[in-house]
Amino acid sequence: MSVLNLAVVGGGNGSYTMAGDFALAGHRVRMWPGARQKHAELYRSAKIILEGMGRTGEARLELVSDDLSVVVRGADVICCTDPAPSQVKRASALAPLLENGQVLFLSPGSLGPLVFEKAIRDEGRRIDISYAEPGTLPYLTRKVQPAKVQVSGLAAHLPVGVFPACNTDQVLERVKRLYPVAHTVENSLSVALLNVGPIIHSVLFLLNTGAIEHFSTWDIHNEGTTPSVKKLVLAHDAERIGLRKALGYRSHHYPFQDHYNSTGDTEWMYGRKAHTDLVKSEKWRESLSFDHRYIVEDVKCNLALMASIGDLGRVETPLADSLLTLIGAIFGENFRTTGRTLQNLAVGDLSLDELTTLLWEGYGEESENHK
């Protein structure tokens, strides 16, 4: 295995799991988890314990530091598992520090490269970097102690979109050293429409509102996924797949039905038994509210993005539109105007062909219209 210099930026479940997994795989891992008080054990020991699926054991990191510049300097890949709403802040912090040739692994992406590129241009910089965005988080994971995580699901297939897409082959070669199950899709827009977080979590939250507000903890993936709820999830997912097809993106579209079907012929991103393993882990019983990541990221960012992509392609998305309206009414915002739409990413005035060209070429010296 070729050893990579890796920087993990963030202190959530995914960041801890990535850092530990990569270190156990033999890579050199530096980590910026955030505030020392919140992550005191990790700063003290520079160790993360992984349990459950995949690599397990005690992982020793090369460095844990609150100096972001030290962590990202010379990194081959910088991994960010921040929720999409925090990408603006993270991009502003990283923009002055990035170096030519680096790859940013944004999980989730949610067209995050456009956010980072704006921050870089606002710094007055022109640097040659690439972005990799997976269709799902590589792990289903939760921290169970301050420096211990339990992994209850692993990606069996990891679709990855690259920005700019012209760099896909060279970026995938690096990503596959981290995730051998990675494979490429057309571009960042294609992979954004493989993210089923906005599909499932919008429905589960809306149809479980009473239970969420009544019980101190609730498992929307177990008790909350009744046959009728599942029926709406799958209808919503069919709308996502219809949008992908209308825009000309190729299969595999990863229909969410495969996630629920543990004996089917086709594996979903987490494999055939992922839903069963997730429920058995009992780590998704939690205190929920409408400021949860499932709403502020999956609905306000990702579902609003999906609906705006439908508008661009002149493809009707009635379920997405209805969910945005109803959940927005509960939340107290019009997500069609406040969410991560193409318009709010400053590409809403582009045609589909112009946006596709931008996603292929990136913001080059001649891309004055996209500044």
Protein backbone atom coordinates (compact mmCIF):
# COMPACT_ATOMS: atom_id res chain seq x y z
CA MET A 1 0.00 0.00 0.00
CA SER A 2 1.22 3.49 -0.82
CA VAL A 3 1.16 5.58 2.34
CA LEU A 4 -0.60 8.95 2.15
CA ASN A 5 -0.24 12.07 4.26
CA LEU A 6 -3.78 12.77 5.43
CA ALA A 7 -5.40 15.68 7.24
CA VAL A 8 -8.75 15.14 8.94
CA VAL A 9 -10.49 18.42 9.70
CA GLY A 10 -13.47 18.21 12.04
CA GLY A 11 -14.51 16.60 15.30
CA GLY A 12 -17.73 14.71 14.59
CA ASN A 13 -18.51 10.99 14.37
CA GLY A 14 -17.28 10.73 10.80
CA SER A 15 -14.05 12.63 11.45
CA TYR A 16 -13.10 10.44 14.41
CA THR A 17 -13.88 7.31 12.42
CA MET A 18 -11.96 8.43 9.33
CA ALA A 19 -8.91 9.40 11.34
CA GLY A 20 -8.86 6.12 13.24
CA ASP A 21 -9.57 4.01 10.17
CA PHE A 22 -6.85 5.66 8.11
CA ALA A 23 -4.30 5.35 10.90
CA LEU A 24 -5.10 1.65 11.35
CA ALA A 25 -4.61 1.26 7.59
CA GLY A 26 -1.05 2.58 7.93
CA HIS A 27 -1.43 6.12 6.62
CA ARG A 28 0.09 9.17 8.32
CA VAL A 29 -2.83 11.02 9.89
CA ARG A 30 -2.96 14.50 11.37
CA MET A 31 -6.20 15.79 12.84
CA TRP A 32 -7.76 19.11 13.76
CA PRO A 33 -10.83 18.18 15.82
CA GLY A 34 -11.80 21.64 17.08
CA ALA A 35 -11.91 23.08 20.58
CA ARG A 36 -9.51 21.53 23.09
CA GLN A 37 -12.09 21.50 25.86
CA LYS A 38 -14.56 19.51 23.78
CA HIS A 39 -11.96 17.01 22.57
CA ALA A 40 -9.68 16.91 25.61
CA GLU A 41 -9.18 13.13 25.59
CA LEU A 42 -8.11 13.09 21.95
CA TYR A 43 -5.67 15.97 22.46
CA ARG A 44 -4.25 14.17 25.48
CA SER A 45 -3.76 10.73 23.95
CA ALA A 46 -3.76 11.23 20.16
CA LYS A 47 -5.53 7.85 20.06
CA ILE A 48 -8.92 6.71 18.76
CA ILE A 49 -10.46 3.31 19.47
CA LEU A 50 -12.60 1.75 16.73
CA GLU A 51 -15.16 -0.98 17.44
CA GLY A 52 -17.75 -2.76 15.34
CA MET A 53 -17.39 -3.29 11.61
CA GLY A 54 -14.24 -2.80 9.55
CA ARG A 55 -10.84 -2.15 11.07
CA THR A 56 -10.88 -2.26 14.85
CA GLY A 57 -8.43 -1.49 17.60
CA GLU A 58 -6.49 1.43 18.99
CA ALA A 59 -5.31 3.87 16.33
CA ARG A 60 -2.47 6.26 17.07
CA LEU A 61 -2.51 9.51 15.11
CA GLU A 62 0.67 11.26 14.02
CA LEU A 63 -0.57 14.61 15.32
CA VAL A 64 -3.63 16.17 16.94
CA SER A 65 -3.41 19.94 16.86
CA ASP A 66 -5.54 23.05 17.12
CA ASP A 67 -3.23 24.72 14.57
CA LEU A 68 -5.04 24.14 11.29
CA SER A 69 -2.09 25.25 9.17
CA VAL A 70 0.16 22.57 10.67
CA VAL A 71 -2.44 19.86 10.13
CA VAL A 72 -3.12 20.58 6.43
CA ARG A 73 0.43 21.50 5.37
CA GLY A 74 1.75 18.96 2.87
CA ALA A 75 -1.35 16.74 3.05
CA ASP A 76 -2.11 14.63 0.01
CA VAL A 77 -5.79 14.51 0.95
CA ILE A 78 -7.70 16.78 3.32
CA CYS A 79 -10.86 15.10 4.64
CA CYS A 80 -13.82 17.16 5.83
CA THR A 81 -16.97 15.49 7.12
CA ASP A 82 -18.54 18.75 8.23
CA PRO A 83 -22.26 19.17 7.75
CA ALA A 84 -22.94 21.14 4.59
CA PRO A 85 -24.16 24.25 6.49
CA SER A 86 -20.73 24.61 8.13
CA GLN A 87 -18.81 24.46 4.84
CA VAL A 88 -18.78 28.24 4.41
CA LYS A 89 -16.97 28.67 7.72
CA ARG A 90 -14.63 25.74 7.06
CA ALA A 91 -13.84 26.95 3.53
CA SER A 92 -12.92 30.41 4.84
CA ALA A 93 -10.51 28.86 7.33
CA LEU A 94 -8.89 26.53 4.81
CA ALA A 95 -8.74 28.85 1.80
CA PRO A 96 -5.50 30.64 2.81
CA LEU A 97 -3.80 27.32 3.66
CA LEU A 98 -4.45 25.07 0.67
CA GLU A 99 -1.59 24.02 -1.61
CA ASN A 100 -1.32 23.04 -5.26
CA GLY A 101 -1.99 19.36 -5.92
CA GLN A 102 -4.05 18.68 -2.82
CA VAL A 103 -7.37 16.82 -2.89
CA LEU A 104 -10.24 17.84 -0.63
CA PHE A 105 -12.51 14.93 0.27
CA LEU A 106 -15.85 16.51 1.19
CA SER A 107 -18.19 14.02 2.79
CA PRO A 108 -20.89 15.06 2.19
CA GLY A 109 -20.20 17.29 -0.77
CA SER A 110 -23.58 18.85 -1.64
CA LEU A 111 -21.79 20.86 -4.38
CA GLY A 112 -19.38 21.95 -1.66
CA PRO A 113 -16.58 22.62 -4.18
CA LEU A 114 -18.48 25.71 -5.32
CA VAL A 115 -18.48 26.95 -1.71
CA PHE A 116 -14.74 26.32 -1.30
CA GLU A 117 -13.85 27.82 -4.67
CA LYS A 118 -15.67 31.04 -3.78
CA ALA A 119 -13.71 31.26 -0.53
CA ILE A 120 -10.45 30.71 -2.40
CA ARG A 121 -11.29 33.40 -4.96
CA ASP A 122 -12.31 35.76 -2.16
CA GLU A 123 -8.77 35.29 -0.82
CA GLY A 124 -7.46 36.37 -4.23
CA ARG A 125 -5.80 32.99 -4.74
CA ARG A 126 -5.45 30.75 -7.79
CA ILE A 127 -4.42 27.25 -6.81
CA ASP A 128 -4.63 23.88 -8.52
CA ILE A 129 -6.65 21.64 -6.23
CA SER A 130 -9.35 19.03 -6.79
CA TYR A 131 -12.36 17.86 -4.82
CA ALA A 132 -13.85 14.41 -4.29
CA GLU A 133 -17.46 14.07 -3.12
CA PRO A 134 -18.90 10.65 -2.18
CA GLY A 135 -22.55 9.79 -2.59
CA THR A 136 -22.76 8.83 1.08
CA LEU A 137 -20.66 8.88 4.22
CA PRO A 138 -18.25 5.93 4.02
CA TYR A 139 -19.35 4.82 7.51
CA LEU A 140 -22.47 4.54 9.63
CA THR A 141 -20.89 5.42 12.94
CA ARG A 142 -21.38 6.99 16.35
CA LYS A 143 -19.03 8.04 19.13
CA VAL A 144 -19.75 5.94 22.23
CA GLN A 145 -17.02 7.45 24.43
CA PRO A 146 -14.89 10.61 24.11
CA ALA A 147 -12.29 8.87 21.92
CA LYS A 148 -14.10 5.67 20.96
CA VAL A 149 -16.43 5.04 18.03
CA GLN A 150 -18.63 2.14 17.04
CA VAL A 151 -19.08 1.49 13.33
CA SER A 152 -22.35 -0.22 12.39
CA GLY A 153 -22.10 0.15 8.62
CA LEU A 154 -19.44 0.40 5.91
CA ALA A 155 -19.78 1.49 2.31
CA ALA A 156 -19.70 -1.49 -0.04
CA HIS A 157 -19.92 0.81 -3.07
CA LEU A 158 -18.83 4.44 -2.88
CA PRO A 159 -19.76 6.60 -5.88
CA VAL A 160 -17.50 9.64 -6.11
CA GLY A 161 -17.89 12.84 -8.10
CA VAL A 162 -14.79 14.94 -8.81
CA PHE A 163 -14.52 18.69 -9.30
CA PRO A 164 -13.28 19.62 -11.78
CA ALA A 165 -14.40 16.44 -13.49
CA CYS A 166 -11.52 16.62 -15.96
CA ASN A 167 -9.29 15.49 -13.06
CA THR A 168 -11.41 12.43 -12.27
CA ASP A 169 -8.89 9.71 -13.11
CA GLN A 170 -6.00 11.13 -11.10
CA VAL A 171 -8.20 11.96 -8.11
CA LEU A 172 -9.83 8.52 -8.06
CA GLU A 173 -6.40 6.88 -7.97
CA ARG A 174 -5.73 8.68 -4.70
CA VAL A 175 -9.21 8.11 -3.24
CA LYS A 176 -9.12 4.38 -3.98
CA ARG A 177 -6.07 4.08 -1.74
CA LEU A 178 -8.40 5.14 1.06
CA TYR A 179 -11.56 3.44 -0.14
CA PRO A 180 -10.99 0.59 -2.62
CA VAL A 181 -14.78 0.38 -3.13
CA ALA A 182 -14.86 3.89 -4.66
CA HIS A 183 -15.97 4.36 -8.24
CA THR A 184 -16.55 7.48 -10.29
CA VAL A 185 -19.69 9.14 -11.59
CA GLU A 186 -20.01 11.92 -14.13
CA ASN A 187 -19.50 15.00 -11.94
CA SER A 188 -20.43 16.73 -8.70
CA LEU A 189 -24.03 17.27 -9.78
CA SER A 190 -24.48 13.58 -10.54
CA VAL A 191 -23.16 12.52 -7.15
CA ALA A 192 -25.32 15.12 -5.38
CA LEU A 193 -28.32 13.28 -6.83
CA LEU A 194 -27.06 9.99 -5.35
CA ASN A 195 -27.27 11.36 -1.81
CA VAL A 196 -30.41 9.82 -0.33
CA GLY A 197 -30.10 11.67 2.97
CA PRO A 198 -32.60 14.32 1.82
CA ILE A 199 -34.88 11.59 0.47
CA ILE A 200 -35.18 9.48 3.60
CA HIS A 201 -34.68 11.98 6.41
CA SER A 202 -37.20 14.51 5.12
CA VAL A 203 -39.92 11.87 5.09
CA LEU A 204 -38.91 10.24 8.38
CA PHE A 205 -38.84 13.56 10.20
CA LEU A 206 -42.13 14.85 8.82
CA LEU A 207 -44.08 11.65 9.41
CA ASN A 208 -42.56 11.15 12.87
CA THR A 209 -43.07 14.71 14.09
CA GLY A 210 -45.46 13.67 16.86
CA ALA A 211 -43.14 10.99 18.24
CA ILE A 212 -40.08 13.24 17.95
CA GLU A 213 -41.79 15.96 19.99
CA HIS A 214 -43.37 13.55 22.49
CA PHE A 215 -40.57 11.12 23.38
CA SER A 216 -37.21 12.09 24.85
CA THR A 217 -35.47 9.75 22.37
CA TRP A 218 -36.72 8.14 19.20
CA ASP A 219 -35.26 5.83 16.55
CA ILE A 220 -36.67 7.01 13.24
CA HIS A 221 -34.83 4.21 11.41
CA ASN A 222 -36.58 1.50 13.45
CA GLU A 223 -39.91 2.43 15.07
CA GLY A 224 -40.24 5.37 12.71
CA THR A 225 -39.95 3.36 9.51
CA THR A 226 -43.39 1.80 9.24
CA PRO A 227 -44.71 0.31 5.96
CA SER A 228 -46.57 3.51 5.02
CA VAL A 229 -43.57 5.69 5.85
CA LYS A 230 -41.35 3.43 3.77
CA LYS A 231 -43.82 3.67 0.88
CA LEU A 232 -43.45 7.47 0.79
CA VAL A 233 -39.65 7.22 1.10
CA LEU A 234 -39.53 4.98 -1.95
CA ALA A 235 -41.90 7.21 -3.94
CA HIS A 236 -39.68 10.17 -3.11
CA ASP A 237 -36.64 8.16 -4.16
CA ALA A 238 -38.29 7.33 -7.48
CA GLU A 239 -38.57 11.09 -8.03
CA ARG A 240 -34.82 11.43 -7.42
CA ILE A 241 -34.05 8.66 -9.91
CA GLY A 242 -36.42 10.21 -12.46
CA LEU A 243 -34.51 13.49 -12.16
CA ARG A 244 -31.17 11.73 -12.69
CA LYS A 245 -32.50 10.00 -15.79
CA ALA A 246 -33.99 13.21 -17.18
CA LEU A 247 -30.60 14.92 -16.83
CA GLY A 248 -28.91 12.07 -18.70
CA TYR A 249 -26.96 10.56 -15.82
CA ARG A 250 -26.22 6.88 -16.13
CA SER A 251 -27.12 4.03 -13.87
CA HIS A 252 -26.30 2.82 -11.31
CA HIS A 253 -28.82 5.13 -9.64
CA TYR A 254 -28.67 3.24 -6.31
CA PRO A 255 -32.43 2.90 -5.72
CA PHE A 256 -33.09 3.03 -2.00
CA GLN A 257 -35.28 -0.07 -2.25
CA ASP A 258 -32.03 -2.05 -2.35
CA HIS A 259 -31.11 -0.69 1.09
CA TYR A 260 -34.25 -2.18 2.59
CA ASN A 261 -34.00 -5.49 0.71
CA SER A 262 -31.41 -7.62 2.51
CA THR A 263 -31.86 -10.59 0.15
CA GLY A 264 -31.98 -8.78 -3.19
CA ASP A 265 -29.69 -9.32 -6.16
CA THR A 266 -28.35 -5.76 -6.08
CA GLU A 267 -26.36 -4.21 -3.25
CA TRP A 268 -26.97 -0.66 -2.17
CA MET A 269 -24.05 1.60 -1.14
CA TYR A 270 -23.78 -0.03 2.31
CA GLY A 271 -24.37 -3.59 1.12
CA ARG A 272 -27.32 -5.95 1.55
CA LYS A 273 -27.63 -6.07 5.34
CA ALA A 274 -26.94 -2.43 6.15
CA HIS A 275 -30.46 -1.53 7.28
CA THR A 276 -30.69 -4.64 9.47
CA ASP A 277 -27.26 -3.96 10.99
CA LEU A 278 -28.14 -0.31 11.58
CA VAL A 279 -31.31 -1.20 13.48
CA LYS A 280 -29.54 -3.94 15.48
CA SER A 281 -26.81 -1.52 16.59
CA GLU A 282 -29.37 0.55 18.53
CA LYS A 283 -27.11 3.59 18.16
CA TRP A 284 -29.69 5.65 16.27
CA ARG A 285 -32.06 6.07 19.21
CA GLU A 286 -31.42 9.69 20.03
CA SER A 287 -32.89 13.00 21.08
CA LEU A 288 -34.23 14.66 17.95
CA SER A 289 -35.44 18.15 17.11
CA PHE A 290 -35.99 20.23 14.01
CA ASP A 291 -32.54 21.80 14.30
CA HIS A 292 -30.97 18.34 13.82
CA ARG A 293 -28.51 17.74 10.99
CA TYR A 294 -31.22 15.74 9.22
CA ILE A 295 -33.15 19.01 8.78
CA VAL A 296 -30.57 21.78 8.52
CA GLU A 297 -28.38 19.72 6.19
CA ASP A 298 -30.52 17.13 4.46
CA VAL A 299 -33.60 19.29 3.95
CA LYS A 300 -32.48 22.92 3.98
CA CYS A 301 -29.32 22.19 1.97
CA ASN A 302 -29.70 18.95 0.06
CA LEU A 303 -33.42 18.75 -0.61
CA ALA A 304 -33.51 22.42 -1.59
CA LEU A 305 -30.60 21.68 -3.93
CA MET A 306 -32.43 18.75 -5.50
CA ALA A 307 -35.54 20.85 -6.10
CA SER A 308 -33.51 23.64 -7.69
CA ILE A 309 -31.77 21.10 -9.95
CA GLY A 310 -35.22 19.97 -11.00
CA ASP A 311 -36.09 23.58 -11.82
CA LEU A 312 -32.93 23.89 -13.92
CA GLY A 313 -33.71 20.72 -15.86
CA ARG A 314 -37.43 21.58 -16.05
CA VAL A 315 -38.23 18.32 -14.30
CA GLU A 316 -41.17 18.31 -11.90
CA THR A 317 -40.37 17.26 -8.32
CA PRO A 318 -43.74 17.51 -6.52
CA LEU A 319 -42.77 15.40 -3.51
CA ALA A 320 -39.56 17.32 -2.90
CA ASP A 321 -41.44 20.59 -3.28
CA SER A 322 -44.16 19.48 -0.85
CA LEU A 323 -41.69 18.25 1.75
CA LEU A 324 -39.73 21.50 1.54
CA THR A 325 -42.94 23.50 2.03
CA LEU A 326 -44.29 21.44 4.94
CA ILE A 327 -41.04 21.05 6.85
CA GLY A 328 -40.20 24.69 6.18
CA ALA A 329 -43.53 25.69 7.72
CA ILE A 330 -42.64 23.78 10.90
CA PHE A 331 -39.09 25.16 10.90
CA GLY A 332 -40.27 28.70 10.14
CA GLU A 333 -38.33 29.26 6.92
CA ASN A 334 -38.90 29.13 3.20
CA PHE A 335 -36.16 26.68 2.26
CA ARG A 336 -36.65 27.44 -1.43
CA THR A 337 -35.12 30.86 -0.76
CA THR A 338 -32.86 30.22 2.26
CA GLY A 339 -31.52 26.77 1.34
CA ARG A 340 -28.57 25.63 -0.76
CA THR A 341 -30.10 26.24 -4.15
CA LEU A 342 -28.21 26.68 -7.39
CA GLN A 343 -29.14 30.35 -7.21
CA ASN A 344 -27.61 30.71 -3.75
CA LEU A 345 -24.48 28.93 -5.03
CA ALA A 346 -24.21 31.68 -7.66
CA VAL A 347 -24.76 29.32 -10.60
CA GLY A 348 -28.51 29.70 -10.90
CA ASP A 349 -28.25 31.87 -14.00
CA LEU A 350 -26.32 29.20 -15.93
CA SER A 351 -27.96 26.84 -18.37
CA LEU A 352 -27.57 23.11 -17.78
CA ASP A 353 -24.93 22.95 -20.51
CA GLU A 354 -23.03 25.89 -19.00
CA LEU A 355 -23.16 24.34 -15.53
CA THR A 356 -21.96 21.00 -16.92
CA THR A 357 -19.02 22.77 -18.56
CA LEU A 358 -18.15 24.52 -15.30
CA LEU A 359 -18.26 21.21 -13.42
CA TRP A 360 -15.90 19.70 -16.01
CA GLU A 361 -13.42 22.56 -16.33
CA GLY A 362 -13.58 24.26 -12.94
CA TYR A 363 -12.87 27.94 -12.41
CA GLY A 364 -9.99 28.53 -14.78
CA GLU A 365 -8.35 31.81 -15.70
CA GLU A 366 -10.94 32.33 -18.43
CA SER A 367 -13.97 31.65 -16.23
CA GLU A 368 -14.62 35.34 -15.61
CA ASN A 369 -18.39 34.91 -15.82
CA HIS A 370 -18.37 32.63 -12.78
CA LYS A 371 -16.48 34.88 -10.38
